[in-house]
Amino acid sequence: MNRPLRLGVIGLGAISPYYLAAVERLPEWELTAVCDARAEPLERFPGPVARFSGHRTLLARARPDALVVAVPNDVHLPVCRDALSAGVPVCVEKPLALTAAEGRVLVDLAHRGGVPLMTAFHRRYNTAVRDLAHQVAGREVRSVRVRYLERIEEHLGGEEWYLDPDRCGGGCLADNGPNAFDVVRLLLGDLTVTGRAIERDGHGVDRRAVIRLRGRTGAVASVELDWSYPGELKDVEVKLADGEVLGADMLAGHTTFKGSLWHEYEAVLREFAELADGRRPAGPGAHGGLPALELVEAAYGRALPAGQGVGR
């Protein structure tokens, strides 16, 4: 790579600071353009960084080498579709799109054009999760449990669309589910949903969910999601066939609120740089966006009636 890749960032909401900080730390990138429909976030970028209120204008005028898409879930499809059609590699926040059907449109477009498309499953880049995956590699796994518990109102950062099922795609299952499912896929590979229990509030937002899954080798998994948890707990437990139990606390060692995200997004953008400039083929993190969406839809589509618990 003879020069830094010129990066555009579309969407300057709650998650963008982690991308922007990573760009500053990584020599592979140069921030050249930002975009947001709101004027206030754009005012924080004086100087050489070009500012746009529309993503199509950014693509046409700034001509970035690659694009980060961090807009609300319901507009992932049009923004990513326009970028891929223009031949611009895309790193999009999870979920890949609002629905699996929309996700297939983007994956097909990327494949046809040979344009890199990566979903930012930042938890697979968590140091504790990576260490766990290394410990588990080549060993027989009996079960995996991923817990992803938080009080969502503490994590909105002014982004109220998370609580709108039409914009988010649902609730905790639609938004946190893809990250949790991706961690299980990192450890077990392809998955099938075997049971689920989902609790919704009076507005139709799913606030709690327990999803049961099975891997190709017969290992079982559970994903526990909670948007009403008093505090924050995000961890993984793996039981091996020989009886050993291993774990990973995604938040351990990170004392500040959301402190683990800084190193995770730096790793995301490091891999995206290698993908965007052709130094390496797309890995599992890049291709996992559609399978994660399909797992979310399988969980929603087969939801059991209230009070029946989680099936096998």
C-alpha atoms as a PDB file:
ATOM      1  CA  MET A   1       0.000   0.000   0.000  1.00  0.00           C
ATOM      2  CA  ASN A   2       1.722   3.188  -1.214  1.00  0.00           C
ATOM      3  CA  ARG A   3      -0.647   5.637   0.461  1.00  0.00           C
ATOM      4  CA  PRO A   4      -3.417   5.566   3.065  1.00  0.00           C
ATOM      5  CA  LEU A   5      -6.835   4.525   1.823  1.00  0.00           C
ATOM      6  CA  ARG A   6      -9.252   7.452   1.579  1.00  0.00           C
ATOM      7  CA  LEU A   7     -12.173   6.670   3.864  1.00  0.00           C
ATOM      8  CA  GLY A   8     -15.664   8.099   3.922  1.00  0.00           C
ATOM      9  CA  VAL A   9     -17.874   7.694   7.005  1.00  0.00           C
ATOM     10  CA  ILE A  10     -21.637   7.898   6.548  1.00  0.00           C
ATOM     11  CA  GLY A  11     -23.571   8.298   9.784  1.00  0.00           C
ATOM     12  CA  LEU A  12     -22.141  10.318  12.691  1.00  0.00           C
ATOM     13  CA  GLY A  13     -24.252   8.880  15.484  1.00  0.00           C
ATOM     14  CA  ALA A  14     -23.378   7.049  18.692  1.00  0.00           C
ATOM     15  CA  ILE A  15     -21.094   4.425  17.132  1.00  0.00           C
ATOM     16  CA  SER A  16     -19.082   6.729  14.842  1.00  0.00           C
ATOM     17  CA  PRO A  17     -16.558   7.917  17.493  1.00  0.00           C
ATOM     18  CA  TYR A  18     -15.096   4.410  17.664  1.00  0.00           C
ATOM     19  CA  TYR A  19     -14.531   4.300  13.912  1.00  0.00           C
ATOM     20  CA  LEU A  20     -13.133   7.832  13.840  1.00  0.00           C
ATOM     21  CA  ALA A  21     -10.706   7.144  16.679  1.00  0.00           C
ATOM     22  CA  ALA A  22      -9.539   3.975  14.933  1.00  0.00           C
ATOM     23  CA  VAL A  23      -8.915   5.906  11.704  1.00  0.00           C
ATOM     24  CA  GLU A  24      -6.675   8.335  13.601  1.00  0.00           C
ATOM     25  CA  ARG A  25      -4.622   5.485  15.062  1.00  0.00           C
ATOM     26  CA  LEU A  26      -4.224   3.401  11.902  1.00  0.00           C
ATOM     27  CA  PRO A  27      -1.782   4.473   9.183  1.00  0.00           C
ATOM     28  CA  GLU A  28      -3.754   2.457   6.630  1.00  0.00           C
ATOM     29  CA  TRP A  29      -6.533   5.056   6.619  1.00  0.00           C
ATOM     30  CA  GLU A  30      -7.069   8.745   5.948  1.00  0.00           C
ATOM     31  CA  LEU A  31     -10.450  10.261   6.753  1.00  0.00           C
ATOM     32  CA  THR A  32     -11.429  12.332   3.742  1.00  0.00           C
ATOM     33  CA  ALA A  33     -15.225  12.689   3.915  1.00  0.00           C
ATOM     34  CA  VAL A  34     -18.096  12.434   6.379  1.00  0.00           C
ATOM     35  CA  CYS A  35     -21.838  12.469   5.868  1.00  0.00           C
ATOM     36  CA  ASP A  36     -24.887  12.964   8.041  1.00  0.00           C
ATOM     37  CA  ALA A  37     -28.372  14.272   7.383  1.00  0.00           C
ATOM     38  CA  ARG A  38     -28.056  16.451  10.495  1.00  0.00           C
ATOM     39  CA  ALA A  39     -26.072  19.696  10.410  1.00  0.00           C
ATOM     40  CA  GLU A  40     -24.803  19.610  13.998  1.00  0.00           C
ATOM     41  CA  PRO A  41     -22.577  16.495  13.739  1.00  0.00           C
ATOM     42  CA  LEU A  42     -21.021  17.839  10.536  1.00  0.00           C
ATOM     43  CA  GLU A  43     -19.938  21.024  12.295  1.00  0.00           C
ATOM     44  CA  ARG A  44     -17.407  18.999  14.314  1.00  0.00           C
ATOM     45  CA  PHE A  45     -15.336  18.430  11.161  1.00  0.00           C
ATOM     46  CA  PRO A  46     -13.675  21.672  10.038  1.00  0.00           C
ATOM     47  CA  GLY A  47     -10.620  21.703   7.810  1.00  0.00           C
ATOM     48  CA  PRO A  48      -9.727  19.248   5.065  1.00  0.00           C
ATOM     49  CA  VAL A  49     -12.431  16.656   5.750  1.00  0.00           C
ATOM     50  CA  ALA A  50     -15.230  17.099   3.208  1.00  0.00           C
ATOM     51  CA  ARG A  51     -18.729  17.259   4.687  1.00  0.00           C
ATOM     52  CA  PHE A  52     -21.910  16.096   2.983  1.00  0.00           C
ATOM     53  CA  SER A  53     -25.572  15.806   3.906  1.00  0.00           C
ATOM     54  CA  GLY A  54     -26.293  13.104   1.329  1.00  0.00           C
ATOM     55  CA  HIS A  55     -24.419   9.862   0.705  1.00  0.00           C
ATOM     56  CA  ARG A  56     -24.821   9.979  -3.078  1.00  0.00           C
ATOM     57  CA  THR A  57     -23.140  13.381  -3.175  1.00  0.00           C
ATOM     58  CA  LEU A  58     -20.284  12.061  -1.055  1.00  0.00           C
ATOM     59  CA  LEU A  59     -19.783   9.111  -3.405  1.00  0.00           C
ATOM     60  CA  ALA A  60     -19.829  11.334  -6.494  1.00  0.00           C
ATOM     61  CA  ARG A  61     -17.627  14.168  -5.224  1.00  0.00           C
ATOM     62  CA  ALA A  62     -15.278  12.673  -2.627  1.00  0.00           C
ATOM     63  CA  ARG A  63     -14.722   9.391  -4.496  1.00  0.00           C
ATOM     64  CA  PRO A  64     -13.488   7.486  -1.419  1.00  0.00           C
ATOM     65  CA  ASP A  65     -11.474   4.287  -1.644  1.00  0.00           C
ATOM     66  CA  ALA A  66     -13.772   2.702   0.942  1.00  0.00           C
ATOM     67  CA  LEU A  67     -16.807   3.521   3.029  1.00  0.00           C
ATOM     68  CA  VAL A  68     -17.982   2.948   6.608  1.00  0.00           C
ATOM     69  CA  VAL A  69     -21.774   2.862   6.890  1.00  0.00           C
ATOM     70  CA  ALA A  70     -23.017   3.602  10.418  1.00  0.00           C
ATOM     71  CA  VAL A  71     -26.537   4.850   9.724  1.00  0.00           C
ATOM     72  CA  PRO A  72     -29.767   3.493  11.289  1.00  0.00           C
ATOM     73  CA  ASN A  73     -30.609  -0.071  10.314  1.00  0.00           C
ATOM     74  CA  ASP A  74     -33.513   0.835   8.034  1.00  0.00           C
ATOM     75  CA  VAL A  75     -31.265   2.742   5.607  1.00  0.00           C
ATOM     76  CA  HIS A  76     -28.413   0.246   5.385  1.00  0.00           C
ATOM     77  CA  LEU A  77     -29.856  -1.113   2.127  1.00  0.00           C
ATOM     78  CA  PRO A  78     -29.950   2.095   0.025  1.00  0.00           C
ATOM     79  CA  VAL A  79     -26.617   3.457   1.282  1.00  0.00           C
ATOM     80  CA  CYS A  80     -24.723   0.186   0.860  1.00  0.00           C
ATOM     81  CA  ARG A  81     -26.391  -0.534  -2.487  1.00  0.00           C
ATOM     82  CA  ASP A  82     -25.316   2.822  -3.903  1.00  0.00           C
ATOM     83  CA  ALA A  83     -21.749   2.401  -2.657  1.00  0.00           C
ATOM     84  CA  LEU A  84     -21.400  -1.141  -3.993  1.00  0.00           C
ATOM     85  CA  SER A  85     -22.897  -0.083  -7.330  1.00  0.00           C
ATOM     86  CA  ALA A  86     -20.197   2.593  -7.505  1.00  0.00           C
ATOM     87  CA  GLY A  87     -17.525  -0.041  -6.851  1.00  0.00           C
ATOM     88  CA  VAL A  88     -16.688   1.256  -3.365  1.00  0.00           C
ATOM     89  CA  PRO A  89     -15.831  -1.336  -0.666  1.00  0.00           C
ATOM     90  CA  VAL A  90     -18.207  -1.167   2.302  1.00  0.00           C
ATOM     91  CA  CYS A  91     -17.867  -1.872   6.012  1.00  0.00           C
ATOM     92  CA  VAL A  92     -21.389  -1.690   7.425  1.00  0.00           C
ATOM     93  CA  GLU A  93     -22.491  -1.751  11.034  1.00  0.00           C
ATOM     94  CA  LYS A  94     -24.370  -4.847  12.106  1.00  0.00           C
ATOM     95  CA  PRO A  95     -26.933  -5.890  11.079  1.00  0.00           C
ATOM     96  CA  LEU A  96     -26.056  -6.033   7.391  1.00  0.00           C
ATOM     97  CA  ALA A  97     -29.583  -4.877   6.523  1.00  0.00           C
ATOM     98  CA  LEU A  98     -33.063  -4.683   7.995  1.00  0.00           C
ATOM     99  CA  THR A  99     -34.114  -8.102   6.643  1.00  0.00           C
ATOM    100  CA  ALA A 100     -32.460 -11.184   5.190  1.00  0.00           C
ATOM    101  CA  ALA A 101     -34.025 -10.392   1.801  1.00  0.00           C
ATOM    102  CA  GLU A 102     -32.340  -6.986   1.815  1.00  0.00           C
ATOM    103  CA  GLY A 103     -29.115  -8.622   2.920  1.00  0.00           C
ATOM    104  CA  ARG A 104     -29.226 -10.989  -0.045  1.00  0.00           C
ATOM    105  CA  VAL A 105     -29.574  -8.025  -2.393  1.00  0.00           C
ATOM    106  CA  LEU A 106     -26.361  -6.530  -1.016  1.00  0.00           C
ATOM    107  CA  VAL A 107     -24.428  -9.798  -0.960  1.00  0.00           C
ATOM    108  CA  ASP A 108     -25.448 -10.577  -4.551  1.00  0.00           C
ATOM    109  CA  LEU A 109     -24.487  -7.072  -5.660  1.00  0.00           C
ATOM    110  CA  ALA A 110     -21.086  -7.351  -3.976  1.00  0.00           C
ATOM    111  CA  HIS A 111     -20.422 -10.762  -5.523  1.00  0.00           C
ATOM    112  CA  ARG A 112     -21.451  -9.688  -9.014  1.00  0.00           C
ATOM    113  CA  GLY A 113     -19.257  -6.597  -8.899  1.00  0.00           C
ATOM    114  CA  GLY A 114     -16.380  -8.165  -6.994  1.00  0.00           C
ATOM    115  CA  VAL A 115     -16.626  -5.387  -4.402  1.00  0.00           C
ATOM    116  CA  PRO A 116     -15.688  -6.119  -0.768  1.00  0.00           C
ATOM    117  CA  LEU A 117     -18.613  -6.042   1.666  1.00  0.00           C
ATOM    118  CA  MET A 118     -17.859  -6.460   5.368  1.00  0.00           C
ATOM    119  CA  THR A 119     -20.222  -6.466   8.334  1.00  0.00           C
ATOM    120  CA  ALA A 120     -18.648  -4.960  11.459  1.00  0.00           C
ATOM    121  CA  PHE A 121     -19.170  -7.739  13.997  1.00  0.00           C
ATOM    122  CA  HIS A 122     -16.934  -6.000  16.497  1.00  0.00           C
ATOM    123  CA  ARG A 123     -17.279  -8.590  19.258  1.00  0.00           C
ATOM    124  CA  ARG A 124     -15.364 -11.228  17.278  1.00  0.00           C
ATOM    125  CA  TYR A 125     -12.399  -8.830  17.525  1.00  0.00           C
ATOM    126  CA  ASN A 126     -12.646  -8.566  21.312  1.00  0.00           C
ATOM    127  CA  THR A 127      -9.354  -9.715  22.863  1.00  0.00           C
ATOM    128  CA  ALA A 128     -11.036 -12.074  25.336  1.00  0.00           C
ATOM    129  CA  VAL A 129     -13.207 -13.613  22.602  1.00  0.00           C
ATOM    130  CA  ARG A 130     -10.203 -14.065  20.308  1.00  0.00           C
ATOM    131  CA  ASP A 131      -8.237 -15.741  23.103  1.00  0.00           C
ATOM    132  CA  LEU A 132     -11.167 -18.065  23.770  1.00  0.00           C
ATOM    133  CA  ALA A 133     -11.479 -18.972  20.086  1.00  0.00           C
ATOM    134  CA  HIS A 134      -7.765 -19.807  20.056  1.00  0.00           C
ATOM    135  CA  GLN A 135      -8.146 -22.043  23.146  1.00  0.00           C
ATOM    136  CA  VAL A 136     -11.133 -23.845  21.623  1.00  0.00           C
ATOM    137  CA  ALA A 137      -9.659 -24.392  18.155  1.00  0.00           C
ATOM    138  CA  GLY A 138      -9.371 -28.082  17.284  1.00  0.00           C
ATOM    139  CA  ARG A 139     -11.165 -29.260  20.448  1.00  0.00           C
ATOM    140  CA  GLU A 140     -14.596 -30.874  20.722  1.00  0.00           C
ATOM    141  CA  VAL A 141     -17.195 -28.422  22.032  1.00  0.00           C
ATOM    142  CA  ARG A 142     -20.299 -29.629  23.849  1.00  0.00           C
ATOM    143  CA  SER A 143     -22.031 -26.284  24.405  1.00  0.00           C
ATOM    144  CA  VAL A 144     -21.668 -22.522  24.091  1.00  0.00           C
ATOM    145  CA  ARG A 145     -23.545 -19.820  25.973  1.00  0.00           C
ATOM    146  CA  VAL A 146     -23.386 -16.156  25.000  1.00  0.00           C
ATOM    147  CA  ARG A 147     -24.959 -13.556  27.269  1.00  0.00           C
ATOM    148  CA  TYR A 148     -25.538 -10.041  25.954  1.00  0.00           C
ATOM    149  CA  LEU A 149     -27.292  -8.092  28.686  1.00  0.00           C
ATOM    150  CA  GLU A 150     -27.677  -4.328  29.054  1.00  0.00           C
ATOM    151  CA  ARG A 151     -30.174  -1.582  29.753  1.00  0.00           C
ATOM    152  CA  ILE A 152     -30.696  -0.257  26.236  1.00  0.00           C
ATOM    153  CA  GLU A 153     -31.670   3.233  27.377  1.00  0.00           C
ATOM    154  CA  GLU A 154     -28.114   3.682  28.692  1.00  0.00           C
ATOM    155  CA  HIS A 155     -26.644   2.843  25.281  1.00  0.00           C
ATOM    156  CA  LEU A 156     -28.791   4.902  22.909  1.00  0.00           C
ATOM    157  CA  GLY A 157     -26.523   7.952  22.754  1.00  0.00           C
ATOM    158  CA  GLY A 158     -29.471   9.995  21.455  1.00  0.00           C
ATOM    159  CA  GLU A 159     -30.285   7.384  18.785  1.00  0.00           C
ATOM    160  CA  GLU A 160     -33.963   6.815  19.603  1.00  0.00           C
ATOM    161  CA  TRP A 161     -34.512   4.775  16.436  1.00  0.00           C
ATOM    162  CA  TYR A 162     -33.232   1.710  18.303  1.00  0.00           C
ATOM    163  CA  LEU A 163     -36.593   1.605  20.097  1.00  0.00           C
ATOM    164  CA  ASP A 164     -38.598   1.813  16.854  1.00  0.00           C
ATOM    165  CA  PRO A 165     -39.104  -1.762  15.567  1.00  0.00           C
ATOM    166  CA  ASP A 166     -39.730  -0.496  12.034  1.00  0.00           C
ATOM    167  CA  ARG A 167     -36.339   1.228  11.931  1.00  0.00           C
ATOM    168  CA  CYS A 168     -34.356  -1.213  14.055  1.00  0.00           C
ATOM    169  CA  GLY A 169     -35.872  -4.385  12.595  1.00  0.00           C
ATOM    170  CA  GLY A 170     -37.169  -5.433  16.001  1.00  0.00           C
ATOM    171  CA  GLY A 171     -35.607  -5.066  19.438  1.00  0.00           C
ATOM    172  CA  CYS A 172     -32.813  -6.825  21.311  1.00  0.00           C
ATOM    173  CA  LEU A 173     -32.930  -9.821  18.973  1.00  0.00           C
ATOM    174  CA  ALA A 174     -32.642  -7.678  15.828  1.00  0.00           C
ATOM    175  CA  ASP A 175     -29.862  -5.436  17.106  1.00  0.00           C
ATOM    176  CA  ASN A 176     -27.791  -7.404  19.634  1.00  0.00           C
ATOM    177  CA  GLY A 177     -28.666 -10.800  18.193  1.00  0.00           C
ATOM    178  CA  PRO A 178     -26.346 -10.552  15.149  1.00  0.00           C
ATOM    179  CA  ASN A 179     -23.273  -9.858  17.307  1.00  0.00           C
ATOM    180  CA  ALA A 180     -24.132 -12.686  19.703  1.00  0.00           C
ATOM    181  CA  PHE A 181     -24.893 -15.142  16.890  1.00  0.00           C
ATOM    182  CA  ASP A 182     -21.630 -14.229  15.184  1.00  0.00           C
ATOM    183  CA  VAL A 183     -19.659 -15.090  18.320  1.00  0.00           C
ATOM    184  CA  VAL A 184     -21.338 -18.510  18.412  1.00  0.00           C
ATOM    185  CA  ARG A 185     -20.614 -18.972  14.688  1.00  0.00           C
ATOM    186  CA  LEU A 186     -16.971 -18.075  15.342  1.00  0.00           C
ATOM    187  CA  LEU A 187     -16.799 -21.041  17.725  1.00  0.00           C
ATOM    188  CA  LEU A 188     -19.194 -23.569  16.130  1.00  0.00           C
ATOM    189  CA  GLY A 189     -19.607 -22.624  12.464  1.00  0.00           C
ATOM    190  CA  ASP A 190     -23.025 -22.816  10.808  1.00  0.00           C
ATOM    191  CA  LEU A 191     -26.020 -22.890  13.142  1.00  0.00           C
ATOM    192  CA  THR A 192     -29.669 -23.881  13.205  1.00  0.00           C
ATOM    193  CA  VAL A 193     -32.270 -22.340  15.522  1.00  0.00           C
ATOM    194  CA  THR A 194     -33.942 -25.039  17.628  1.00  0.00           C
ATOM    195  CA  GLY A 195     -35.933 -23.009  20.137  1.00  0.00           C
ATOM    196  CA  ARG A 196     -36.703 -19.559  21.409  1.00  0.00           C
ATOM    197  CA  ALA A 197     -38.566 -17.466  23.962  1.00  0.00           C
ATOM    198  CA  ILE A 198     -39.153 -13.771  23.321  1.00  0.00           C
ATOM    199  CA  GLU A 199     -40.619 -11.151  25.675  1.00  0.00           C
ATOM    200  CA  ARG A 200     -41.962  -7.883  24.251  1.00  0.00           C
ATOM    201  CA  ASP A 201     -43.033  -4.670  25.944  1.00  0.00           C
ATOM    202  CA  GLY A 202     -46.269  -2.774  25.366  1.00  0.00           C
ATOM    203  CA  HIS A 203     -44.815  -1.109  22.257  1.00  0.00           C
ATOM    204  CA  GLY A 204     -43.976  -4.411  20.598  1.00  0.00           C
ATOM    205  CA  VAL A 205     -40.228  -4.115  21.235  1.00  0.00           C
ATOM    206  CA  ASP A 206     -38.598  -7.383  22.247  1.00  0.00           C
ATOM    207  CA  ARG A 207     -36.732  -6.672  25.477  1.00  0.00           C
ATOM    208  CA  ARG A 208     -35.630 -10.202  26.364  1.00  0.00           C
ATOM    209  CA  ALA A 209     -34.928 -13.310  24.344  1.00  0.00           C
ATOM    210  CA  VAL A 210     -33.373 -16.735  24.811  1.00  0.00           C
ATOM    211  CA  ILE A 211     -32.446 -18.500  21.590  1.00  0.00           C
ATOM    212  CA  ARG A 212     -31.379 -22.152  21.384  1.00  0.00           C
ATOM    213  CA  LEU A 213     -29.158 -23.301  18.545  1.00  0.00           C
ATOM    214  CA  ARG A 214     -27.335 -26.350  17.272  1.00  0.00           C
ATOM    215  CA  GLY A 215     -24.078 -26.546  15.332  1.00  0.00           C
ATOM    216  CA  ARG A 216     -23.202 -28.933  12.532  1.00  0.00           C
ATOM    217  CA  THR A 217     -21.244 -31.224  14.867  1.00  0.00           C
ATOM    218  CA  GLY A 218     -24.138 -31.519  17.311  1.00  0.00           C
ATOM    219  CA  ALA A 219     -22.869 -28.974  19.830  1.00  0.00           C
ATOM    220  CA  VAL A 220     -25.648 -26.875  21.336  1.00  0.00           C
ATOM    221  CA  ALA A 221     -25.691 -23.169  22.092  1.00  0.00           C
ATOM    222  CA  SER A 222     -27.817 -20.599  23.817  1.00  0.00           C
ATOM    223  CA  VAL A 223     -27.916 -16.852  23.261  1.00  0.00           C
ATOM    224  CA  GLU A 224     -29.395 -14.792  26.089  1.00  0.00           C
ATOM    225  CA  LEU A 225     -30.358 -11.211  25.261  1.00  0.00           C
ATOM    226  CA  ASP A 226     -31.761  -8.573  27.603  1.00  0.00           C
ATOM    227  CA  TRP A 227     -32.453  -4.878  27.061  1.00  0.00           C
ATOM    228  CA  SER A 228     -33.751  -4.355  30.634  1.00  0.00           C
ATOM    229  CA  TYR A 229     -30.751  -5.646  32.567  1.00  0.00           C
ATOM    230  CA  PRO A 230     -29.592  -3.427  35.478  1.00  0.00           C
ATOM    231  CA  GLY A 231     -26.073  -2.773  34.263  1.00  0.00           C
ATOM    232  CA  GLU A 232     -24.083  -4.566  31.576  1.00  0.00           C
ATOM    233  CA  LEU A 233     -22.909  -8.165  31.221  1.00  0.00           C
ATOM    234  CA  LYS A 234     -21.464  -9.619  28.024  1.00  0.00           C
ATOM    235  CA  ASP A 235     -19.687 -12.946  28.206  1.00  0.00           C
ATOM    236  CA  VAL A 236     -19.161 -16.366  26.646  1.00  0.00           C
ATOM    237  CA  GLU A 237     -18.988 -19.792  28.273  1.00  0.00           C
ATOM    238  CA  VAL A 238     -17.767 -22.899  26.438  1.00  0.00           C
ATOM    239  CA  LYS A 239     -18.049 -26.450  27.771  1.00  0.00           C
ATOM    240  CA  LEU A 240     -15.727 -28.942  26.135  1.00  0.00           C
ATOM    241  CA  ALA A 241     -16.281 -32.662  25.660  1.00  0.00           C
ATOM    242  CA  ASP A 242     -13.457 -33.427  28.124  1.00  0.00           C
ATOM    243  CA  GLY A 243     -15.298 -31.522  30.866  1.00  0.00           C
ATOM    244  CA  GLU A 244     -13.231 -28.345  30.826  1.00  0.00           C
ATOM    245  CA  VAL A 245     -15.152 -25.080  30.999  1.00  0.00           C
ATOM    246  CA  LEU A 246     -13.674 -21.967  29.377  1.00  0.00           C
ATOM    247  CA  GLY A 247     -14.947 -18.420  29.409  1.00  0.00           C
ATOM    248  CA  ALA A 248     -14.501 -14.924  28.041  1.00  0.00           C
ATOM    249  CA  ASP A 249     -15.693 -11.707  29.650  1.00  0.00           C
ATOM    250  CA  MET A 250     -15.935  -9.163  26.828  1.00  0.00           C
ATOM    251  CA  LEU A 251     -15.854  -6.266  29.293  1.00  0.00           C
ATOM    252  CA  ALA A 252     -12.998  -7.438  31.538  1.00  0.00           C
ATOM    253  CA  GLY A 253     -10.160  -4.945  31.840  1.00  0.00           C
ATOM    254  CA  HIS A 254     -12.183  -2.127  30.292  1.00  0.00           C
ATOM    255  CA  THR A 255     -13.150   0.116  33.172  1.00  0.00           C
ATOM    256  CA  THR A 256     -14.871   2.926  31.253  1.00  0.00           C
ATOM    257  CA  PHE A 257     -18.383   2.741  29.813  1.00  0.00           C
ATOM    258  CA  LYS A 258     -18.230   0.977  26.428  1.00  0.00           C
ATOM    259  CA  GLY A 259     -14.451   0.977  26.824  1.00  0.00           C
ATOM    260  CA  SER A 260     -14.013  -2.388  25.073  1.00  0.00           C
ATOM    261  CA  LEU A 261     -15.236  -0.913  21.784  1.00  0.00           C
ATOM    262  CA  TRP A 262     -12.087   1.127  21.162  1.00  0.00           C
ATOM    263  CA  HIS A 263      -9.825  -1.858  20.537  1.00  0.00           C
ATOM    264  CA  GLU A 264     -12.561  -3.847  18.794  1.00  0.00           C
ATOM    265  CA  TYR A 265     -13.229  -1.197  16.152  1.00  0.00           C
ATOM    266  CA  GLU A 266      -9.528  -0.658  15.598  1.00  0.00           C
ATOM    267  CA  ALA A 267      -9.284  -4.358  14.700  1.00  0.00           C
ATOM    268  CA  VAL A 268     -12.381  -4.074  12.492  1.00  0.00           C
ATOM    269  CA  LEU A 269     -10.839  -1.264  10.444  1.00  0.00           C
ATOM    270  CA  ARG A 270      -7.462  -2.976  10.284  1.00  0.00           C
ATOM    271  CA  GLU A 271      -9.059  -6.021   8.664  1.00  0.00           C
ATOM    272  CA  PHE A 272     -11.257  -3.843   6.443  1.00  0.00           C
ATOM    273  CA  ALA A 273      -8.140  -2.090   5.106  1.00  0.00           C
ATOM    274  CA  GLU A 274      -6.646  -5.436   4.103  1.00  0.00           C
ATOM    275  CA  LEU A 275      -9.921  -6.400   2.459  1.00  0.00           C
ATOM    276  CA  ALA A 276     -10.427  -3.068   0.688  1.00  0.00           C
ATOM    277  CA  ASP A 277      -6.978  -2.923  -0.870  1.00  0.00           C
ATOM    278  CA  GLY A 278      -6.932  -6.574  -1.881  1.00  0.00           C
ATOM    279  CA  ARG A 279      -4.209  -7.779   0.486  1.00  0.00           C
ATOM    280  CA  ARG A 280      -6.386 -10.628   1.764  1.00  0.00           C
ATOM    281  CA  PRO A 281      -9.613 -12.378   0.777  1.00  0.00           C
ATOM    282  CA  ALA A 282     -12.750 -11.806   2.777  1.00  0.00           C
ATOM    283  CA  GLY A 283     -12.796 -13.795   6.012  1.00  0.00           C
ATOM    284  CA  PRO A 284     -15.705 -15.139   8.103  1.00  0.00           C
ATOM    285  CA  GLY A 285     -16.391 -11.726   9.630  1.00  0.00           C
ATOM    286  CA  ALA A 286     -16.940 -10.243   6.200  1.00  0.00           C
ATOM    287  CA  HIS A 287     -19.282 -12.981   5.038  1.00  0.00           C
ATOM    288  CA  GLY A 288     -21.209 -13.423   8.274  1.00  0.00           C
ATOM    289  CA  GLY A 289     -23.711 -10.631   7.805  1.00  0.00           C
ATOM    290  CA  LEU A 290     -26.280 -12.645   5.898  1.00  0.00           C
ATOM    291  CA  PRO A 291     -26.152 -15.821   8.049  1.00  0.00           C
ATOM    292  CA  ALA A 292     -26.611 -13.692  11.170  1.00  0.00           C
ATOM    293  CA  LEU A 293     -29.667 -12.013   9.627  1.00  0.00           C
ATOM    294  CA  GLU A 294     -31.095 -15.397   8.672  1.00  0.00           C
ATOM    295  CA  LEU A 295     -30.674 -16.588  12.262  1.00  0.00           C
ATOM    296  CA  VAL A 296     -32.474 -13.485  13.531  1.00  0.00           C
ATOM    297  CA  GLU A 297     -35.371 -14.120  11.160  1.00  0.00           C
ATOM    298  CA  ALA A 298     -35.510 -17.805  12.086  1.00  0.00           C
ATOM    299  CA  ALA A 299     -35.749 -16.824  15.741  1.00  0.00           C
ATOM    300  CA  TYR A 300     -38.496 -14.269  15.125  1.00  0.00           C
ATOM    301  CA  GLY A 301     -40.391 -16.446  12.651  1.00  0.00           C
ATOM    302  CA  ARG A 302     -40.631 -19.428  14.934  1.00  0.00           C
ATOM    303  CA  ALA A 303     -41.314 -17.583  18.173  1.00  0.00           C
ATOM    304  CA  LEU A 304     -43.253 -19.715  20.664  1.00  0.00           C
ATOM    305  CA  PRO A 305     -46.472 -18.448  22.274  1.00  0.00           C
ATOM    306  CA  ALA A 306     -45.975 -16.601  25.526  1.00  0.00           C
ATOM    307  CA  GLY A 307     -45.516 -18.853  28.517  1.00  0.00           C
ATOM    308  CA  GLN A 308     -44.341 -21.934  26.609  1.00  0.00           C
ATOM    309  CA  GLY A 309     -40.643 -21.365  27.220  1.00  0.00           C
ATOM    310  CA  VAL A 310     -37.849 -22.435  24.943  1.00  0.00           C
ATOM    311  CA  GLY A 311     -38.211 -25.624  22.938  1.00  0.00           C
ATOM    312  CA  ARG A 312     -35.603 -28.139  21.878  1.00  0.00           C
END
